[in-house]
C-alpha atoms as a PDB file:
ATOM      1  CA  UNK A   1      72.369  54.909  61.911  1.00  0.00           C
ATOM      2  CA  UNK A   2      74.219  52.905  59.118  1.00  0.00           C
ATOM      3  CA  UNK A   3      72.533  49.636  60.512  1.00  0.00           C
ATOM      4  CA  UNK A   4      69.171  51.264  60.025  1.00  0.00           C
ATOM      5  CA  UNK A   5      69.911  52.248  56.553  1.00  0.00           C
ATOM      6  CA  UNK A   6      70.920  48.625  56.023  1.00  0.00           C
ATOM      7  CA  UNK A   7      67.586  47.323  57.303  1.00  0.00           C
ATOM      8  CA  UNK A   8      65.559  49.855  55.376  1.00  0.00           C
ATOM      9  CA  UNK A   9      67.439  48.827  52.219  1.00  0.00           C
ATOM     10  CA  UNK A  10      66.911  45.025  53.030  1.00  0.00           C
ATOM     11  CA  UNK A  11      63.130  45.644  53.594  1.00  0.00           C
ATOM     12  CA  UNK A  12      62.893  47.636  50.230  1.00  0.00           C
ATOM     13  CA  UNK A  13      64.251  44.578  48.156  1.00  0.00           C
ATOM     14  CA  UNK A  14      62.031  42.246  50.220  1.00  0.00           C
ATOM     15  CA  UNK A  15      59.162  44.682  49.187  1.00  0.00           C
ATOM     16  CA  UNK A  16      60.012  44.571  45.470  1.00  0.00           C
ATOM     17  CA  UNK A  17      60.493  40.895  45.544  1.00  0.00           C
ATOM     18  CA  UNK A  18      56.928  40.509  47.064  1.00  0.00           C
ATOM     19  CA  UNK A  19      55.407  42.793  44.710  1.00  0.00           C
ATOM     20  CA  UNK A  20      56.726  40.828  41.569  1.00  0.00           C
ATOM     21  CA  UNK A  21      56.732  37.239  43.137  1.00  0.00           C
ATOM     22  CA  UNK A  22      53.542  37.054  44.845  1.00  0.00           C
ATOM     23  CA  UNK A  23      51.134  37.547  42.073  1.00  0.00           C
ATOM     24  CA  UNK A  24      53.049  34.996  40.015  1.00  0.00           C
ATOM     25  CA  UNK A  25      52.727  32.201  42.741  1.00  0.00           C
ATOM     26  CA  UNK A  26      49.121  33.273  43.124  1.00  0.00           C
ATOM     27  CA  UNK A  27      48.451  32.623  39.397  1.00  0.00           C
ATOM     28  CA  UNK A  28      50.276  29.444  39.184  1.00  0.00           C
ATOM     29  CA  UNK A  29      48.286  28.198  42.207  1.00  0.00           C
ATOM     30  CA  UNK A  30      45.048  29.076  40.428  1.00  0.00           C
ATOM     31  CA  UNK A  31      45.982  27.328  36.989  1.00  0.00           C
ATOM     32  CA  UNK A  32      47.411  24.179  38.906  1.00  0.00           C
ATOM     33  CA  UNK A  33      50.944  24.744  37.148  1.00  0.00           C
ATOM     34  CA  UNK A  34      52.748  24.895  40.526  1.00  0.00           C
ATOM     35  CA  UNK A  35      52.757  21.203  40.889  1.00  0.00           C
ATOM     36  CA  UNK A  36      54.187  20.578  37.361  1.00  0.00           C
ATOM     37  CA  UNK A  37      57.978  20.827  37.700  1.00  0.00           C
ATOM     38  CA  UNK A  38      60.234  18.741  36.077  1.00  0.00           C
ATOM     39  CA  UNK A  39      61.391  16.814  39.149  1.00  0.00           C
ATOM     40  CA  UNK A  40      57.725  16.117  40.404  1.00  0.00           C
ATOM     41  CA  UNK A  41      56.846  15.132  36.642  1.00  0.00           C
ATOM     42  CA  UNK A  42      59.935  12.761  36.580  1.00  0.00           C
ATOM     43  CA  UNK A  43      58.758  11.029  39.930  1.00  0.00           C
ATOM     44  CA  UNK A  44      55.454   9.967  38.445  1.00  0.00           C
ATOM     45  CA  UNK A  45      56.835   9.090  34.891  1.00  0.00           C
ATOM     46  CA  UNK A  46      57.122   5.375  36.117  1.00  0.00           C
ATOM     47  CA  UNK A  47      53.588   4.750  36.955  1.00  0.00           C
ATOM     48  CA  UNK A  48      52.674   1.440  35.604  1.00  0.00           C
ATOM     49  CA  UNK A  49      48.945   1.975  35.112  1.00  0.00           C
ATOM     50  CA  UNK A  50      49.634   5.152  33.222  1.00  0.00           C
ATOM     51  CA  UNK A  51      52.015   3.749  30.847  1.00  0.00           C
ATOM     52  CA  UNK A  52      51.261   1.552  27.754  1.00  0.00           C
ATOM     53  CA  UNK A  53      51.612  -2.176  28.547  1.00  0.00           C
ATOM     54  CA  UNK A  54      54.285  -3.971  26.756  1.00  0.00           C
ATOM     55  CA  UNK A  55      53.757  -6.313  23.996  1.00  0.00           C
ATOM     56  CA  UNK A  56      55.757  -9.536  24.557  1.00  0.00           C
ATOM     57  CA  UNK A  57      54.583 -11.184  21.356  1.00  0.00           C
ATOM     58  CA  UNK A  58      51.798 -13.594  20.171  1.00  0.00           C
ATOM     59  CA  UNK A  59      50.435 -16.280  22.569  1.00  0.00           C
ATOM     60  CA  UNK A  60      50.866 -19.536  21.348  1.00  0.00           C
ATOM     61  CA  UNK A  61      47.969 -21.466  19.543  1.00  0.00           C
ATOM     62  CA  UNK A  62      46.319 -24.420  21.183  1.00  0.00           C
ATOM     63  CA  UNK A  63      43.273 -26.498  20.857  1.00  0.00           C
ATOM     64  CA  UNK A  64      41.917 -28.431  23.800  1.00  0.00           C
ATOM     65  CA  UNK A  65      38.691 -29.634  25.711  1.00  0.00           C
ATOM     66  CA  UNK A  66      36.869 -27.849  28.280  1.00  0.00           C
ATOM     67  CA  UNK A  67      34.939 -29.145  31.394  1.00  0.00           C
ATOM     68  CA  UNK A  68      31.771 -29.387  29.007  1.00  0.00           C
ATOM     69  CA  UNK A  69      33.736 -31.811  26.703  1.00  0.00           C
ATOM     70  CA  UNK A  70      33.667 -28.905  24.030  1.00  0.00           C
ATOM     71  CA  UNK A  71      36.716 -28.039  21.912  1.00  0.00           C
ATOM     72  CA  UNK A  72      38.238 -24.593  22.853  1.00  0.00           C
ATOM     73  CA  UNK A  73      41.010 -23.004  21.092  1.00  0.00           C
ATOM     74  CA  UNK A  74      42.892 -19.837  21.066  1.00  0.00           C
ATOM     75  CA  UNK A  75      40.565 -18.463  18.421  1.00  0.00           C
ATOM     76  CA  UNK A  76      37.612 -18.503  20.967  1.00  0.00           C
ATOM     77  CA  UNK A  77      39.320 -15.946  22.955  1.00  0.00           C
ATOM     78  CA  UNK A  78      39.938 -13.564  20.003  1.00  0.00           C
ATOM     79  CA  UNK A  79      38.415 -10.210  20.784  1.00  0.00           C
ATOM     80  CA  UNK A  80      38.597 -11.031  24.473  1.00  0.00           C
ATOM     81  CA  UNK A  81      41.079 -10.136  27.267  1.00  0.00           C
ATOM     82  CA  UNK A  82      41.941 -13.305  29.113  1.00  0.00           C
ATOM     83  CA  UNK A  83      44.191 -14.671  31.826  1.00  0.00           C
ATOM     84  CA  UNK A  84      45.861 -17.973  31.492  1.00  0.00           C
ATOM     85  CA  UNK A  85      47.306 -20.452  34.208  1.00  0.00           C
ATOM     86  CA  UNK A  86      48.414 -23.849  34.442  1.00  0.00           C
ATOM     87  CA  UNK A  87      47.368 -26.045  37.476  1.00  0.00           C
ATOM     88  CA  UNK A  88      45.942 -29.412  38.378  1.00  0.00           C
ATOM     89  CA  UNK A  89      42.832 -30.378  40.303  1.00  0.00           C
ATOM     90  CA  UNK A  90      44.668 -32.578  43.149  1.00  0.00           C
ATOM     91  CA  UNK A  91      47.574 -30.114  43.640  1.00  0.00           C
ATOM     92  CA  UNK A  92      48.017 -29.741  47.373  1.00  0.00           C
ATOM     93  CA  UNK A  93      50.121 -26.626  47.448  1.00  0.00           C
ATOM     94  CA  UNK A  94      49.882 -23.697  45.175  1.00  0.00           C
ATOM     95  CA  UNK A  95      46.828 -24.548  42.924  1.00  0.00           C
ATOM     96  CA  UNK A  96      43.943 -23.729  45.482  1.00  0.00           C
ATOM     97  CA  UNK A  97      45.482 -20.267  45.882  1.00  0.00           C
ATOM     98  CA  UNK A  98      45.829 -19.748  42.160  1.00  0.00           C
ATOM     99  CA  UNK A  99      42.239 -20.660  41.841  1.00  0.00           C
ATOM    100  CA  UNK A 100      40.998 -18.412  44.467  1.00  0.00           C
ATOM    101  CA  UNK A 101      43.002 -15.629  42.776  1.00  0.00           C
ATOM    102  CA  UNK A 102      41.192 -16.325  39.533  1.00  0.00           C
ATOM    103  CA  UNK A 103      37.724 -16.236  41.370  1.00  0.00           C
ATOM    104  CA  UNK A 104      38.840 -12.834  42.431  1.00  0.00           C
ATOM    105  CA  UNK A 105      39.170 -11.604  38.760  1.00  0.00           C
ATOM    106  CA  UNK A 106      35.933 -13.422  37.672  1.00  0.00           C
ATOM    107  CA  UNK A 107      34.040 -11.541  40.286  1.00  0.00           C
ATOM    108  CA  UNK A 108      35.744  -8.265  39.344  1.00  0.00           C
ATOM    109  CA  UNK A 109      34.864  -8.447  35.796  1.00  0.00           C
ATOM    110  CA  UNK A 110      31.629 -10.892  35.848  1.00  0.00           C
ATOM    111  CA  UNK A 111      29.204  -9.880  33.046  1.00  0.00           C
ATOM    112  CA  UNK A 112      31.905  -8.429  30.619  1.00  0.00           C
ATOM    113  CA  UNK A 113      31.550 -10.604  27.451  1.00  0.00           C
ATOM    114  CA  UNK A 114      35.134  -9.465  26.663  1.00  0.00           C
ATOM    115  CA  UNK A 115      36.784 -10.982  29.416  1.00  0.00           C
ATOM    116  CA  UNK A 116      37.752 -14.661  29.947  1.00  0.00           C
ATOM    117  CA  UNK A 117      39.899 -17.231  32.010  1.00  0.00           C
ATOM    118  CA  UNK A 118      41.983 -20.507  30.609  1.00  0.00           C
ATOM    119  CA  UNK A 119      42.981 -22.769  33.336  1.00  0.00           C
ATOM    120  CA  UNK A 120      44.728 -25.444  31.816  1.00  0.00           C
ATOM    121  CA  UNK A 121      45.419 -28.752  33.544  1.00  0.00           C
ATOM    122  CA  UNK A 122      49.054 -30.321  33.681  1.00  0.00           C
ATOM    123  CA  UNK A 123      47.579 -33.812  34.785  1.00  0.00           C
ATOM    124  CA  UNK A 124      45.260 -34.474  31.971  1.00  0.00           C
ATOM    125  CA  UNK A 125      45.326 -38.284  32.680  1.00  0.00           C
ATOM    126  CA  UNK A 126      43.393 -37.658  35.886  1.00  0.00           C
ATOM    127  CA  UNK A 127      41.591 -34.149  35.151  1.00  0.00           C
ATOM    128  CA  UNK A 128      39.392 -35.180  32.436  1.00  0.00           C
ATOM    129  CA  UNK A 129      36.411 -33.066  31.304  1.00  0.00           C
ATOM    130  CA  UNK A 130      34.069 -34.654  33.994  1.00  0.00           C
ATOM    131  CA  UNK A 131      36.652 -34.088  36.708  1.00  0.00           C
ATOM    132  CA  UNK A 132      37.211 -30.392  35.846  1.00  0.00           C
ATOM    133  CA  UNK A 133      33.403 -29.913  35.620  1.00  0.00           C
ATOM    134  CA  UNK A 134      33.173 -31.080  39.300  1.00  0.00           C
ATOM    135  CA  UNK A 135      36.166 -28.904  40.075  1.00  0.00           C
ATOM    136  CA  UNK A 136      34.672 -25.716  38.494  1.00  0.00           C
ATOM    137  CA  UNK A 137      31.346 -26.441  40.269  1.00  0.00           C
ATOM    138  CA  UNK A 138      33.221 -26.905  43.671  1.00  0.00           C
ATOM    139  CA  UNK A 139      35.016 -23.565  43.063  1.00  0.00           C
ATOM    140  CA  UNK A 140      31.640 -21.959  42.283  1.00  0.00           C
ATOM    141  CA  UNK A 141      32.731 -20.832  38.771  1.00  0.00           C
ATOM    142  CA  UNK A 142      29.894 -18.822  37.120  1.00  0.00           C
ATOM    143  CA  UNK A 143      31.421 -17.388  34.191  1.00  0.00           C
ATOM    144  CA  UNK A 144      30.851 -19.037  30.719  1.00  0.00           C
ATOM    145  CA  UNK A 145      33.970 -17.686  29.514  1.00  0.00           C
ATOM    146  CA  UNK A 146      36.099 -19.687  32.175  1.00  0.00           C
ATOM    147  CA  UNK A 147      37.307 -22.728  30.583  1.00  0.00           C
ATOM    148  CA  UNK A 148      39.094 -25.434  32.210  1.00  0.00           C
ATOM    149  CA  UNK A 149      41.030 -27.216  29.692  1.00  0.00           C
ATOM    150  CA  UNK A 150      42.322 -30.686  29.052  1.00  0.00           C
ATOM    151  CA  UNK A 151      44.108 -32.590  26.351  1.00  0.00           C
ATOM    152  CA  UNK A 152      47.135 -34.420  25.310  1.00  0.00           C
ATOM    153  CA  UNK A 153      49.896 -34.325  28.102  1.00  0.00           C
ATOM    154  CA  UNK A 154      52.876 -33.732  25.811  1.00  0.00           C
ATOM    155  CA  UNK A 155      51.124 -31.061  23.929  1.00  0.00           C
ATOM    156  CA  UNK A 156      50.103 -29.226  27.220  1.00  0.00           C
ATOM    157  CA  UNK A 157      53.738 -29.419  28.713  1.00  0.00           C
ATOM    158  CA  UNK A 158      55.104 -28.130  25.647  1.00  0.00           C
ATOM    159  CA  UNK A 159      52.710 -25.449  25.499  1.00  0.00           C
ATOM    160  CA  UNK A 160      53.534 -24.402  29.193  1.00  0.00           C
ATOM    161  CA  UNK A 161      57.211 -24.896  28.860  1.00  0.00           C
ATOM    162  CA  UNK A 162      57.912 -23.704  25.285  1.00  0.00           C
ATOM    163  CA  UNK A 163      54.901 -21.881  24.293  1.00  0.00           C
ATOM    164  CA  UNK A 164      54.163 -19.731  27.424  1.00  0.00           C
ATOM    165  CA  UNK A 165      57.580 -20.304  29.147  1.00  0.00           C
ATOM    166  CA  UNK A 166      55.635 -21.052  32.281  1.00  0.00           C
ATOM    167  CA  UNK A 167      57.233 -23.865  34.111  1.00  0.00           C
ATOM    168  CA  UNK A 168      55.572 -27.199  34.595  1.00  0.00           C
ATOM    169  CA  UNK A 169      56.909 -30.731  35.068  1.00  0.00           C
ATOM    170  CA  UNK A 170      56.065 -34.173  36.476  1.00  0.00           C
ATOM    171  CA  UNK A 171      58.192 -34.681  39.687  1.00  0.00           C
ATOM    172  CA  UNK A 172      57.490 -37.837  41.694  1.00  0.00           C
ATOM    173  CA  UNK A 173      59.290 -36.484  44.574  1.00  0.00           C
ATOM    174  CA  UNK A 174      56.931 -33.507  45.247  1.00  0.00           C
ATOM    175  CA  UNK A 175      53.648 -33.440  46.915  1.00  0.00           C
ATOM    176  CA  UNK A 176      51.027 -34.190  44.104  1.00  0.00           C
ATOM    177  CA  UNK A 177      53.514 -35.534  41.599  1.00  0.00           C
ATOM    178  CA  UNK A 178      53.769 -32.172  39.536  1.00  0.00           C
ATOM    179  CA  UNK A 179      55.302 -28.820  40.061  1.00  0.00           C
ATOM    180  CA  UNK A 180      54.556 -25.621  38.103  1.00  0.00           C
ATOM    181  CA  UNK A 181      54.683 -21.892  38.054  1.00  0.00           C
ATOM    182  CA  UNK A 182      52.404 -19.898  40.112  1.00  0.00           C
ATOM    183  CA  UNK A 183      52.195 -17.027  37.490  1.00  0.00           C
ATOM    184  CA  UNK A 184      49.341 -15.828  35.352  1.00  0.00           C
ATOM    185  CA  UNK A 185      49.749 -14.907  31.643  1.00  0.00           C
ATOM    186  CA  UNK A 186      47.540 -12.039  30.421  1.00  0.00           C
ATOM    187  CA  UNK A 187      46.680 -11.913  26.697  1.00  0.00           C
ATOM    188  CA  UNK A 188      45.084  -8.914  24.788  1.00  0.00           C
ATOM    189  CA  UNK A 189      41.980  -8.868  22.519  1.00  0.00           C
ATOM    190  CA  UNK A 190      44.435  -9.399  19.553  1.00  0.00           C
ATOM    191  CA  UNK A 191      45.988 -12.522  21.129  1.00  0.00           C
ATOM    192  CA  UNK A 192      49.253 -10.823  22.212  1.00  0.00           C
ATOM    193  CA  UNK A 193      50.898 -11.375  25.505  1.00  0.00           C
ATOM    194  CA  UNK A 194      51.081  -8.106  27.528  1.00  0.00           C
ATOM    195  CA  UNK A 195      52.464  -6.880  30.777  1.00  0.00           C
ATOM    196  CA  UNK A 196      53.506  -4.035  32.804  1.00  0.00           C
ATOM    197  CA  UNK A 197      56.956  -2.702  33.634  1.00  0.00           C
ATOM    198  CA  UNK A 198      58.666  -3.119  36.971  1.00  0.00           C
ATOM    199  CA  UNK A 199      60.142  -0.159  39.088  1.00  0.00           C
ATOM    200  CA  UNK A 200      63.380  -0.264  36.856  1.00  0.00           C
ATOM    201  CA  UNK A 201      61.374  -0.262  33.645  1.00  0.00           C
ATOM    202  CA  UNK A 202      61.790  -3.938  32.712  1.00  0.00           C
ATOM    203  CA  UNK A 203      58.873  -5.989  31.559  1.00  0.00           C
ATOM    204  CA  UNK A 204      57.591  -8.312  34.330  1.00  0.00           C
ATOM    205  CA  UNK A 205      56.372 -10.969  31.738  1.00  0.00           C
ATOM    206  CA  UNK A 206      53.895 -12.495  33.911  1.00  0.00           C
ATOM    207  CA  UNK A 207      52.055 -11.742  37.089  1.00  0.00           C
ATOM    208  CA  UNK A 208      52.161 -13.426  40.359  1.00  0.00           C
ATOM    209  CA  UNK A 209      48.996 -15.502  41.119  1.00  0.00           C
ATOM    210  CA  UNK A 210      49.762 -16.118  44.787  1.00  0.00           C
ATOM    211  CA  UNK A 211      50.456 -12.551  45.922  1.00  0.00           C
ATOM    212  CA  UNK A 212      47.733  -9.929  46.519  1.00  0.00           C
ATOM    213  CA  UNK A 213      50.011  -7.395  44.799  1.00  0.00           C
ATOM    214  CA  UNK A 214      49.919  -9.568  41.709  1.00  0.00           C
ATOM    215  CA  UNK A 215      46.332  -9.975  41.504  1.00  0.00           C
ATOM    216  CA  UNK A 216      45.941  -6.111  42.093  1.00  0.00           C
ATOM    217  CA  UNK A 217      48.216  -5.308  39.258  1.00  0.00           C
ATOM    218  CA  UNK A 218      46.661  -7.599  36.891  1.00  0.00           C
ATOM    219  CA  UNK A 219      43.149  -6.426  37.769  1.00  0.00           C
ATOM    220  CA  UNK A 220      44.311  -2.798  36.728  1.00  0.00           C
ATOM    221  CA  UNK A 221      45.929  -4.020  33.677  1.00  0.00           C
ATOM    222  CA  UNK A 222      42.952  -6.042  32.507  1.00  0.00           C
ATOM    223  CA  UNK A 223      40.771  -2.851  32.744  1.00  0.00           C
ATOM    224  CA  UNK A 224      43.436  -1.105  30.524  1.00  0.00           C
ATOM    225  CA  UNK A 225      43.342  -3.563  28.077  1.00  0.00           C
ATOM    226  CA  UNK A 226      39.515  -4.005  28.018  1.00  0.00           C
ATOM    227  CA  UNK A 227      39.383  -0.164  27.257  1.00  0.00           C
ATOM    228  CA  UNK A 228      41.714  -0.437  24.245  1.00  0.00           C
END
C-alpha cells in the first residue's frame, strides 16, 4: 500500500514537471533558442571566418618592374586586396607548387578588378622582364592584375627579409642556388597586412602556399577583405 502511494506521488511530480516544462521546450525549439546556450556559444567563438581579421601593420613600399617592363609599385595595389609571394623561375622545389596555388586564387577571383597578385623574383639577374613574361605565359596567367616583378637584387632581398619578414637568401649549397619561404602575405585595400588567428587565438601572420589548408584559408579571407 505504501509503495503504491509512492508511485502515485512520483507520477504526480512527473506530470506537474511535464505540464510546466514541455511547453517551454517546444517554445525554445520553435524560436531556435534551444541551441544558444553559453557552452555552445563558446565552442563557436573561435571561428576564424567569423572573426575580424587581424591587422599586422602597413605593407612595405616598393617599386619594381613587371613582366611587361612596366613600373609597378605598392600604390598600384591600393584599393585592391592582393596576395604577395617571393619566388624565382628556375626554382626546382617549392616555387612550382606556390605558382599553382596562386593559379587557384587567380581562377577563384578572376574578373574581380579589386583582386591582385604580386610574384616577386629573388633572382632578378636571371629573371628579367622577358623571362618573367615567358614564365607567366607558360603558367597560363590571364589576370591583368597579376604582376611578376623584378628589380634590384639587394632591394628585393631587403624587402623580403626586413620588409615582409618572409625569408629569402642566396645559398649555393641548395638546388637552384636560392632558398626562401613558401608563405603568402595577404594585403587589404588600404595596404595593410592582414591575417586570421590560429586555434589558440594567435595571429598566423602569413598563409602556407604549399598546403591545401593554407590555400583554402586565404581564399576565405580574401573574400572577407573584398567585402569590407
